[in-house]
Amino acid sequence: KTQRPVQFEITQTTRESVEAWIQRRHLRSDDF
């Protein structure tokens, strides 16, 4: 919307759930 960069934190709980999802779908670096 603004073309402005924004940073955000990813907590341990979130990292674990996202990693589980990436592994489940076998997602690669360029994948959505």
PDB file of all heavy atoms in Angstrom:
ATOM      1  N   LYS A   1       0.818  -1.219   0.000  1.00  0.00           N
ATOM      2  CA  LYS A   1       0.000   0.000   0.000  1.00  0.00           C
ATOM      3  C   LYS A   1       0.846   1.262   0.000  1.00  0.00           C
ATOM      4  O   LYS A   1       0.544   2.224  -0.708  1.00  0.00           O
ATOM      5  CB  LYS A   1      -0.935   0.006   1.216  1.00  0.00           C
ATOM      6  CG  LYS A   1      -1.838   1.226   1.292  1.00  0.00           C
ATOM      7  CD  LYS A   1      -2.753   1.161   2.501  1.00  0.00           C
ATOM      8  CE  LYS A   1      -3.648   2.400   2.584  1.00  0.00           C
ATOM      9  NZ  LYS A   1      -4.551   2.334   3.766  1.00  0.00           N
ATOM     10  N   THR A   2       1.921   1.267   0.777  1.00  0.00           N
ATOM     11  CA  THR A   2       2.718   2.489   0.953  1.00  0.00           C
ATOM     12  C   THR A   2       4.100   2.412   0.317  1.00  0.00           C
ATOM     13  O   THR A   2       4.766   3.441   0.199  1.00  0.00           O
ATOM     14  CB  THR A   2       2.903   2.783   2.449  1.00  0.00           C
ATOM     15  OG1 THR A   2       3.661   1.710   3.046  1.00  0.00           O
ATOM     16  CG2 THR A   2       1.557   2.898   3.153  1.00  0.00           C
ATOM     17  N   GLN A   3       4.515   1.215  -0.057  1.00  0.00           N
ATOM     18  CA  GLN A   3       5.866   0.975  -0.581  1.00  0.00           C
ATOM     19  C   GLN A   3       6.944   1.316   0.446  1.00  0.00           C
ATOM     20  O   GLN A   3       8.098   1.542   0.090  1.00  0.00           O
ATOM     21  CB  GLN A   3       6.102   1.765  -1.882  1.00  0.00           C
ATOM     22  CG  GLN A   3       5.207   1.327  -3.029  1.00  0.00           C
ATOM     23  CD  GLN A   3       5.362  -0.157  -3.355  1.00  0.00           C
ATOM     24  OE1 GLN A   3       6.468  -0.626  -3.608  1.00  0.00           O
ATOM     25  NE2 GLN A   3       4.257  -0.898  -3.330  1.00  0.00           N
ATOM     26  N   ARG A   4       6.558   1.354   1.702  1.00  0.00           N
ATOM     27  CA  ARG A   4       7.500   1.602   2.784  1.00  0.00           C
ATOM     28  C   ARG A   4       7.871   0.269   3.442  1.00  0.00           C
ATOM     29  O   ARG A   4       7.008  -0.576   3.663  1.00  0.00           O
ATOM     30  CB  ARG A   4       6.887   2.521   3.850  1.00  0.00           C
ATOM     31  CG  ARG A   4       6.683   3.964   3.403  1.00  0.00           C
ATOM     32  CD  ARG A   4       5.816   4.718   4.410  1.00  0.00           C
ATOM     33  NE  ARG A   4       6.368   4.665   5.753  1.00  0.00           N
ATOM     34  CZ  ARG A   4       7.234   5.556   6.238  1.00  0.00           C
ATOM     35  NH1 ARG A   4       7.643   6.561   5.485  1.00  0.00           N
ATOM     36  NH2 ARG A   4       7.678   5.460   7.479  1.00  0.00           N
ATOM     37  N   PRO A   5       9.177   0.081   3.758  1.00  0.00           N
ATOM     38  CA  PRO A   5       9.571  -1.156   4.432  1.00  0.00           C
ATOM     39  C   PRO A   5       9.109  -1.159   5.885  1.00  0.00           C
ATOM     40  O   PRO A   5       9.031  -0.109   6.525  1.00  0.00           O
ATOM     41  CB  PRO A   5      11.103  -1.129   4.342  1.00  0.00           C
ATOM     42  CG  PRO A   5      11.446   0.324   4.261  1.00  0.00           C
ATOM     43  CD  PRO A   5      10.324   0.969   3.498  1.00  0.00           C
ATOM     44  N   VAL A   6       8.786  -2.315   6.376  1.00  0.00           N
ATOM     45  CA  VAL A   6       8.392  -2.450   7.776  1.00  0.00           C
ATOM     46  C   VAL A   6       9.011  -3.734   8.315  1.00  0.00           C
ATOM     47  O   VAL A   6       9.057  -4.755   7.638  1.00  0.00           O
ATOM     48  CB  VAL A   6       6.856  -2.473   7.933  1.00  0.00           C
ATOM     49  CG1 VAL A   6       6.231  -3.679   7.246  1.00  0.00           C
ATOM     50  CG2 VAL A   6       6.448  -2.439   9.398  1.00  0.00           C
ATOM     51  N   GLN A   7       9.518  -3.660   9.536  1.00  0.00           N
ATOM     52  CA  GLN A   7      10.116  -4.819  10.189  1.00  0.00           C
ATOM     53  C   GLN A   7       9.139  -5.403  11.198  1.00  0.00           C
ATOM     54  O   GLN A   7       8.289  -4.699  11.741  1.00  0.00           O
ATOM     55  CB  GLN A   7      11.407  -4.426  10.919  1.00  0.00           C
ATOM     56  CG  GLN A   7      12.638  -4.356  10.034  1.00  0.00           C
ATOM     57  CD  GLN A   7      13.898  -4.187  10.863  1.00  0.00           C
ATOM     58  OE1 GLN A   7      14.142  -3.118  11.424  1.00  0.00           O
ATOM     59  NE2 GLN A   7      14.702  -5.235  10.949  1.00  0.00           N
ATOM     60  N   PHE A   8       9.275  -6.690  11.439  1.00  0.00           N
ATOM     61  CA  PHE A   8       8.453  -7.309  12.475  1.00  0.00           C
ATOM     62  C   PHE A   8       9.197  -8.473  13.108  1.00  0.00           C
ATOM     63  O   PHE A   8      10.111  -9.045  12.515  1.00  0.00           O
ATOM     64  CB  PHE A   8       7.101  -7.778  11.918  1.00  0.00           C
ATOM     65  CG  PHE A   8       7.193  -8.704  10.735  1.00  0.00           C
ATOM     66  CD1 PHE A   8       7.263 -10.075  10.895  1.00  0.00           C
ATOM     67  CD2 PHE A   8       7.189  -8.191   9.437  1.00  0.00           C
ATOM     68  CE1 PHE A   8       7.327 -10.934   9.808  1.00  0.00           C
ATOM     69  CE2 PHE A   8       7.254  -9.034   8.333  1.00  0.00           C
ATOM     70  CZ  PHE A   8       7.328 -10.408   8.514  1.00  0.00           C
ATOM     71  N   GLU A   9       8.808  -8.778  14.335  1.00  0.00           N
ATOM     72  CA  GLU A   9       9.411  -9.874  15.083  1.00  0.00           C
ATOM     73  C   GLU A   9       8.637 -11.155  14.817  1.00  0.00           C
ATOM     74  O   GLU A   9       7.440 -11.114  14.495  1.00  0.00           O
ATOM     75  CB  GLU A   9       9.411  -9.562  16.579  1.00  0.00           C
ATOM     76  CG  GLU A   9       8.060  -9.696  17.283  1.00  0.00           C
ATOM     77  CD  GLU A   9       7.053  -8.610  16.924  1.00  0.00           C
ATOM     78  OE1 GLU A   9       7.405  -7.657  16.216  1.00  0.00           O
ATOM     79  OE2 GLU A   9       5.896  -8.728  17.358  1.00  0.00           O
ATOM     80  N   ILE A  10       9.320 -12.276  14.906  1.00  0.00           N
ATOM     81  CA  ILE A  10       8.662 -13.579  14.773  1.00  0.00           C
ATOM     82  C   ILE A  10       9.038 -14.374  16.015  1.00  0.00           C
ATOM     83  O   ILE A  10      10.175 -14.803  16.173  1.00  0.00           O
ATOM     84  CB  ILE A  10       9.102 -14.316  13.493  1.00  0.00           C
ATOM     85  CG1 ILE A  10       8.919 -13.411  12.258  1.00  0.00           C
ATOM     86  CG2 ILE A  10       8.300 -15.604  13.319  1.00  0.00           C
ATOM     87  CD1 ILE A  10       9.401 -14.038  10.961  1.00  0.00           C
ATOM     88  N   THR A  11       8.088 -14.559  16.895  1.00  0.00           N
ATOM     89  CA  THR A  11       8.351 -15.217  18.180  1.00  0.00           C
ATOM     90  C   THR A  11       8.598 -16.715  17.991  1.00  0.00           C
ATOM     91  O   THR A  11       8.300 -17.289  16.939  1.00  0.00           O
ATOM     92  CB  THR A  11       7.176 -15.015  19.143  1.00  0.00           C
ATOM     93  OG1 THR A  11       6.003 -15.608  18.560  1.00  0.00           O
ATOM     94  CG2 THR A  11       6.917 -13.537  19.407  1.00  0.00           C
ATOM     95  N   GLN A  12       9.126 -17.323  19.031  1.00  0.00           N
ATOM     96  CA  GLN A  12       9.441 -18.753  18.981  1.00  0.00           C
ATOM     97  C   GLN A  12       8.216 -19.592  18.641  1.00  0.00           C
ATOM     98  O   GLN A  12       8.282 -20.519  17.829  1.00  0.00           O
ATOM     99  CB  GLN A  12      10.034 -19.196  20.324  1.00  0.00           C
ATOM    100  CG  GLN A  12      10.420 -20.668  20.392  1.00  0.00           C
ATOM    101  CD  GLN A  12      11.584 -21.016  19.474  1.00  0.00           C
ATOM    102  OE1 GLN A  12      12.444 -20.183  19.212  1.00  0.00           O
ATOM    103  NE2 GLN A  12      11.613 -22.248  18.992  1.00  0.00           N
ATOM    104  N   THR A  13       7.089 -19.265  19.256  1.00  0.00           N
ATOM    105  CA  THR A  13       5.848 -20.001  18.995  1.00  0.00           C
ATOM    106  C   THR A  13       5.475 -19.936  17.525  1.00  0.00           C
ATOM    107  O   THR A  13       5.100 -20.944  16.911  1.00  0.00           O
ATOM    108  CB  THR A  13       4.694 -19.421  19.846  1.00  0.00           C
ATOM    109  OG1 THR A  13       4.992 -19.597  21.230  1.00  0.00           O
ATOM    110  CG2 THR A  13       3.373 -20.100  19.522  1.00  0.00           C
ATOM    111  N   THR A  14       5.600 -18.746  16.953  1.00  0.00           N
ATOM    112  CA  THR A  14       5.268 -18.563  15.543  1.00  0.00           C
ATOM    113  C   THR A  14       6.272 -19.269  14.642  1.00  0.00           C
ATOM    114  O   THR A  14       5.895 -19.922  13.662  1.00  0.00           O
ATOM    115  CB  THR A  14       5.199 -17.064  15.195  1.00  0.00           C
ATOM    116  OG1 THR A  14       4.154 -16.458  15.968  1.00  0.00           O
ATOM    117  CG2 THR A  14       4.923 -16.843  13.719  1.00  0.00           C
ATOM    118  N   ARG A  15       7.544 -19.173  14.976  1.00  0.00           N
ATOM    119  CA  ARG A  15       8.576 -19.829  14.163  1.00  0.00           C
ATOM    120  C   ARG A  15       8.324 -21.340  14.081  1.00  0.00           C
ATOM    121  O   ARG A  15       8.422 -21.945  13.018  1.00  0.00           O
ATOM    122  CB  ARG A  15       9.974 -19.552  14.726  1.00  0.00           C
ATOM    123  CG  ARG A  15      10.401 -18.097  14.602  1.00  0.00           C
ATOM    124  CD  ARG A  15      11.918 -17.936  14.711  1.00  0.00           C
ATOM    125  NE  ARG A  15      12.457 -18.383  15.980  1.00  0.00           N
ATOM    126  CZ  ARG A  15      12.567 -17.621  17.074  1.00  0.00           C
ATOM    127  NH1 ARG A  15      12.145 -16.346  17.036  1.00  0.00           N
ATOM    128  NH2 ARG A  15      13.092 -18.083  18.183  1.00  0.00           N
ATOM    129  N   GLU A  16       7.997 -21.922  15.212  1.00  0.00           N
ATOM    130  CA  GLU A  16       7.766 -23.372  15.243  1.00  0.00           C
ATOM    131  C   GLU A  16       6.557 -23.762  14.387  1.00  0.00           C
ATOM    132  O   GLU A  16       6.604 -24.754  13.651  1.00  0.00           O
ATOM    133  CB  GLU A  16       7.553 -23.831  16.689  1.00  0.00           C
ATOM    134  CG  GLU A  16       8.824 -23.766  17.539  1.00  0.00           C
ATOM    135  CD  GLU A  16       8.571 -24.082  19.002  1.00  0.00           C
ATOM    136  OE1 GLU A  16       7.386 -24.297  19.363  1.00  0.00           O
ATOM    137  OE2 GLU A  16       9.541 -24.104  19.787  1.00  0.00           O
ATOM    138  N   SER A  17       5.494 -22.985  14.463  1.00  0.00           N
ATOM    139  CA  SER A  17       4.290 -23.320  13.691  1.00  0.00           C
ATOM    140  C   SER A  17       4.508 -23.104  12.196  1.00  0.00           C
ATOM    141  O   SER A  17       4.016 -23.892  11.372  1.00  0.00           O
ATOM    142  CB  SER A  17       3.088 -22.499  14.179  1.00  0.00           C
ATOM    143  OG  SER A  17       3.310 -21.106  13.993  1.00  0.00           O
ATOM    144  N   VAL A  18       5.246 -22.058  11.832  1.00  0.00           N
ATOM    145  CA  VAL A  18       5.520 -21.792  10.414  1.00  0.00           C
ATOM    146  C   VAL A  18       6.468 -22.852   9.841  1.00  0.00           C
ATOM    147  O   VAL A  18       6.279 -23.329   8.717  1.00  0.00           O
ATOM    148  CB  VAL A  18       6.087 -20.372  10.218  1.00  0.00           C
ATOM    149  CG1 VAL A  18       6.533 -20.158   8.773  1.00  0.00           C
ATOM    150  CG2 VAL A  18       5.044 -19.322  10.596  1.00  0.00           C
ATOM    151  N   GLU A  19       7.482 -23.233  10.608  1.00  0.00           N
ATOM    152  CA  GLU A  19       8.402 -24.276  10.151  1.00  0.00           C
ATOM    153  C   GLU A  19       7.674 -25.610   9.944  1.00  0.00           C
ATOM    154  O   GLU A  19       7.951 -26.342   8.979  1.00  0.00           O
ATOM    155  CB  GLU A  19       9.554 -24.442  11.147  1.00  0.00           C
ATOM    156  CG  GLU A  19      10.580 -23.311  11.074  1.00  0.00           C
ATOM    157  CD  GLU A  19      11.616 -23.363  12.189  1.00  0.00           C
ATOM    158  OE1 GLU A  19      11.583 -24.314  12.989  1.00  0.00           O
ATOM    159  OE2 GLU A  19      12.463 -22.437  12.251  1.00  0.00           O
ATOM    160  N   ALA A  20       6.734 -25.896  10.826  1.00  0.00           N
ATOM    161  CA  ALA A  20       5.944 -27.127  10.685  1.00  0.00           C
ATOM    162  C   ALA A  20       5.127 -27.097   9.402  1.00  0.00           C
ATOM    163  O   ALA A  20       4.995 -28.117   8.703  1.00  0.00           O
ATOM    164  CB  ALA A  20       5.028 -27.298  11.902  1.00  0.00           C
ATOM    165  N   TRP A  21       4.584 -25.929   9.067  1.00  0.00           N
ATOM    166  CA  TRP A  21       3.794 -25.776   7.848  1.00  0.00           C
ATOM    167  C   TRP A  21       4.669 -25.898   6.603  1.00  0.00           C
ATOM    168  O   TRP A  21       4.299 -26.582   5.642  1.00  0.00           O
ATOM    169  CB  TRP A  21       3.074 -24.440   7.857  1.00  0.00           C
ATOM    170  CG  TRP A  21       2.479 -24.038   6.535  1.00  0.00           C
ATOM    171  CD1 TRP A  21       2.788 -22.943   5.793  1.00  0.00           C
ATOM    172  CD2 TRP A  21       1.466 -24.737   5.797  1.00  0.00           C
ATOM    173  NE1 TRP A  21       2.050 -22.905   4.645  1.00  0.00           N
ATOM    174  CE2 TRP A  21       1.224 -24.003   4.622  1.00  0.00           C
ATOM    175  CE3 TRP A  21       0.759 -25.918   6.015  1.00  0.00           C
ATOM    176  CZ2 TRP A  21       0.294 -24.398   3.662  1.00  0.00           C
ATOM    177  CZ3 TRP A  21      -0.170 -26.328   5.050  1.00  0.00           C
ATOM    178  CH2 TRP A  21      -0.396 -25.570   3.902  1.00  0.00           C
ATOM    179  N   ILE A  22       5.832 -25.269   6.616  1.00  0.00           N
ATOM    180  CA  ILE A  22       6.762 -25.338   5.479  1.00  0.00           C
ATOM    181  C   ILE A  22       7.185 -26.789   5.220  1.00  0.00           C
ATOM    182  O   ILE A  22       7.232 -27.248   4.072  1.00  0.00           O
ATOM    183  CB  ILE A  22       8.000 -24.455   5.739  1.00  0.00           C
ATOM    184  CG1 ILE A  22       7.597 -22.967   5.696  1.00  0.00           C
ATOM    185  CG2 ILE A  22       9.102 -24.717   4.717  1.00  0.00           C
ATOM    186  CD1 ILE A  22       8.701 -22.009   6.134  1.00  0.00           C
ATOM    187  N   GLN A  23       7.456 -27.508   6.297  1.00  0.00           N
ATOM    188  CA  GLN A  23       7.857 -28.911   6.160  1.00  0.00           C
ATOM    189  C   GLN A  23       6.700 -29.768   5.663  1.00  0.00           C
ATOM    190  O   GLN A  23       6.887 -30.676   4.844  1.00  0.00           O
ATOM    191  CB  GLN A  23       8.379 -29.429   7.500  1.00  0.00           C
ATOM    192  CG  GLN A  23       9.707 -28.819   7.921  1.00  0.00           C
ATOM    193  CD  GLN A  23      10.084 -29.136   9.356  1.00  0.00           C
ATOM    194  OE1 GLN A  23       9.473 -29.993   9.995  1.00  0.00           O
ATOM    195  NE2 GLN A  23      11.099 -28.450   9.870  1.00  0.00           N
ATOM    196  N   ARG A  24       5.503 -29.483   6.149  1.00  0.00           N
ATOM    197  CA  ARG A  24       4.318 -30.253   5.736  1.00  0.00           C
ATOM    198  C   ARG A  24       4.087 -30.137   4.223  1.00  0.00           C
ATOM    199  O   ARG A  24       3.769 -31.131   3.557  1.00  0.00           O
ATOM    200  CB  ARG A  24       3.086 -29.746   6.508  1.00  0.00           C
ATOM    201  CG  ARG A  24       1.738 -30.232   5.997  1.00  0.00           C
ATOM    202  CD  ARG A  24       1.483 -31.698   6.302  1.00  0.00           C
ATOM    203  NE  ARG A  24       1.341 -31.928   7.728  1.00  0.00           N
ATOM    204  CZ  ARG A  24       0.179 -31.835   8.392  1.00  0.00           C
ATOM    205  NH1 ARG A  24      -0.931 -31.507   7.739  1.00  0.00           N
ATOM    206  NH2 ARG A  24       0.129 -32.076   9.678  1.00  0.00           N
ATOM    207  N   ARG A  25       4.245 -28.909   3.702  1.00  0.00           N
ATOM    208  CA  ARG A  25       3.987 -28.673   2.277  1.00  0.00           C
ATOM    209  C   ARG A  25       5.240 -28.775   1.410  1.00  0.00           C
ATOM    210  O   ARG A  25       5.159 -28.609   0.194  1.00  0.00           O
ATOM    211  CB  ARG A  25       3.354 -27.289   2.093  1.00  0.00           C
ATOM    212  CG  ARG A  25       1.892 -27.192   2.439  1.00  0.00           C
ATOM    213  CD  ARG A  25       1.034 -28.060   1.531  1.00  0.00           C
ATOM    214  NE  ARG A  25       1.169 -27.701   0.131  1.00  0.00           N
ATOM    215  CZ  ARG A  25       0.328 -26.911  -0.526  1.00  0.00           C
ATOM    216  NH1 ARG A  25      -0.715 -26.394   0.109  1.00  0.00           N
ATOM    217  NH2 ARG A  25       0.506 -26.638  -1.799  1.00  0.00           N
ATOM    218  N   HIS A  26       6.387 -29.021   2.042  1.00  0.00           N
ATOM    219  CA  HIS A  26       7.662 -29.108   1.314  1.00  0.00           C
ATOM    220  C   HIS A  26       7.897 -27.839   0.489  1.00  0.00           C
ATOM    221  O   HIS A  26       8.262 -27.899  -0.695  1.00  0.00           O
ATOM    222  CB  HIS A  26       7.684 -30.340   0.401  1.00  0.00           C
ATOM    223  CG  HIS A  26       7.404 -31.628   1.118  1.00  0.00           C
ATOM    224  ND1 HIS A  26       8.300 -32.181   2.023  1.00  0.00           N
ATOM    225  CD2 HIS A  26       6.328 -32.450   1.080  1.00  0.00           C
ATOM    226  CE1 HIS A  26       7.786 -33.305   2.504  1.00  0.00           C
ATOM    227  NE2 HIS A  26       6.594 -33.485   1.967  1.00  0.00           N
ATOM    228  N   LEU A  27       7.679 -26.699   1.108  1.00  0.00           N
ATOM    229  CA  LEU A  27       7.819 -25.419   0.410  1.00  0.00           C
ATOM    230  C   LEU A  27       9.284 -25.050   0.230  1.00  0.00           C
ATOM    231  O   LEU A  27      10.109 -25.276   1.116  1.00  0.00           O
ATOM    232  CB  LEU A  27       7.097 -24.314   1.192  1.00  0.00           C
ATOM    233  CG  LEU A  27       5.581 -24.489   1.371  1.00  0.00           C
ATOM    234  CD1 LEU A  27       5.027 -23.389   2.267  1.00  0.00           C
ATOM    235  CD2 LEU A  27       4.872 -24.488   0.021  1.00  0.00           C
ATOM    236  N   ARG A  28       9.584 -24.464  -0.922  1.00  0.00           N
ATOM    237  CA  ARG A  28      10.937 -24.015  -1.225  1.00  0.00           C
ATOM    238  C   ARG A  28      11.040 -22.504  -1.055  1.00  0.00           C
ATOM    239  O   ARG A  28      10.033 -21.817  -0.898  1.00  0.00           O
ATOM    240  CB  ARG A  28      11.313 -24.429  -2.642  1.00  0.00           C
ATOM    241  CG  ARG A  28      11.372 -25.947  -2.849  1.00  0.00           C
ATOM    242  CD  ARG A  28      11.457 -26.300  -4.310  1.00  0.00           C
ATOM    243  NE  ARG A  28      10.282 -25.826  -5.035  1.00  0.00           N
ATOM    244  CZ  ARG A  28      10.084 -26.010  -6.341  1.00  0.00           C
ATOM    245  NH1 ARG A  28      10.983 -26.642  -7.063  1.00  0.00           N
ATOM    246  NH2 ARG A  28       8.990 -25.560  -6.927  1.00  0.00           N
ATOM    247  N   SER A  29      12.241 -21.985  -1.145  1.00  0.00           N
ATOM    248  CA  SER A  29      12.516 -20.577  -0.876  1.00  0.00           C
ATOM    249  C   SER A  29      11.658 -19.622  -1.711  1.00  0.00           C
ATOM    250  O   SER A  29      11.147 -18.626  -1.208  1.00  0.00           O
ATOM    251  CB  SER A  29      13.997 -20.279  -1.126  1.00  0.00           C
ATOM    252  OG  SER A  29      14.273 -18.914  -0.905  1.00  0.00           O
ATOM    253  N   ASP A  30      11.470 -19.927  -2.996  1.00  0.00           N
ATOM    254  CA  ASP A  30      10.723 -19.030  -3.878  1.00  0.00           C
ATOM    255  C   ASP A  30       9.215 -19.229  -3.815  1.00  0.00           C
ATOM    256  O   ASP A  30       8.462 -18.457  -4.411  1.00  0.00           O
ATOM    257  CB  ASP A  30      11.188 -19.214  -5.332  1.00  0.00           C
ATOM    258  CG  ASP A  30      12.569 -18.623  -5.570  1.00  0.00           C
ATOM    259  OD1 ASP A  30      12.987 -17.752  -4.780  1.00  0.00           O
ATOM    260  OD2 ASP A  30      13.233 -19.031  -6.547  1.00  0.00           O
ATOM    261  N   ASP A  31       8.764 -20.245  -3.109  1.00  0.00           N
ATOM    262  CA  ASP A  31       7.333 -20.529  -3.040  1.00  0.00           C
ATOM    263  C   ASP A  31       6.610 -19.507  -2.166  1.00  0.00           C
ATOM    264  O   ASP A  31       7.183 -18.961  -1.212  1.00  0.00           O
ATOM    265  CB  ASP A  31       7.086 -21.920  -2.452  1.00  0.00           C
ATOM    266  CG  ASP A  31       7.502 -23.034  -3.397  1.00  0.00           C
ATOM    267  OD1 ASP A  31       7.576 -22.791  -4.615  1.00  0.00           O
ATOM    268  OD2 ASP A  31       7.766 -24.152  -2.896  1.00  0.00           O
ATOM    269  N   PHE A  32       5.340 -19.297  -2.494  1.00  0.00           N
ATOM    270  CA  PHE A  32       4.512 -18.496  -1.604  1.00  0.00           C
ATOM    271  C   PHE A  32       4.295 -19.286  -0.320  1.00  0.00           C
ATOM    272  O   PHE A  32       4.111 -20.510  -0.356  1.00  0.00           O
ATOM    273  CB  PHE A  32       3.170 -18.152  -2.244  1.00  0.00           C
ATOM    274  CG  PHE A  32       3.254 -17.080  -3.292  1.00  0.00           C
ATOM    275  CD1 PHE A  32       3.142 -17.391  -4.639  1.00  0.00           C
ATOM    276  CD2 PHE A  32       3.476 -15.759  -2.923  1.00  0.00           C
ATOM    277  CE1 PHE A  32       3.229 -16.403  -5.601  1.00  0.00           C
ATOM    278  CE2 PHE A  32       3.570 -14.758  -3.877  1.00  0.00           C
ATOM    279  CZ  PHE A  32       3.449 -15.082  -5.222  1.00  0.00           C
TER     280      PHE A  32
END
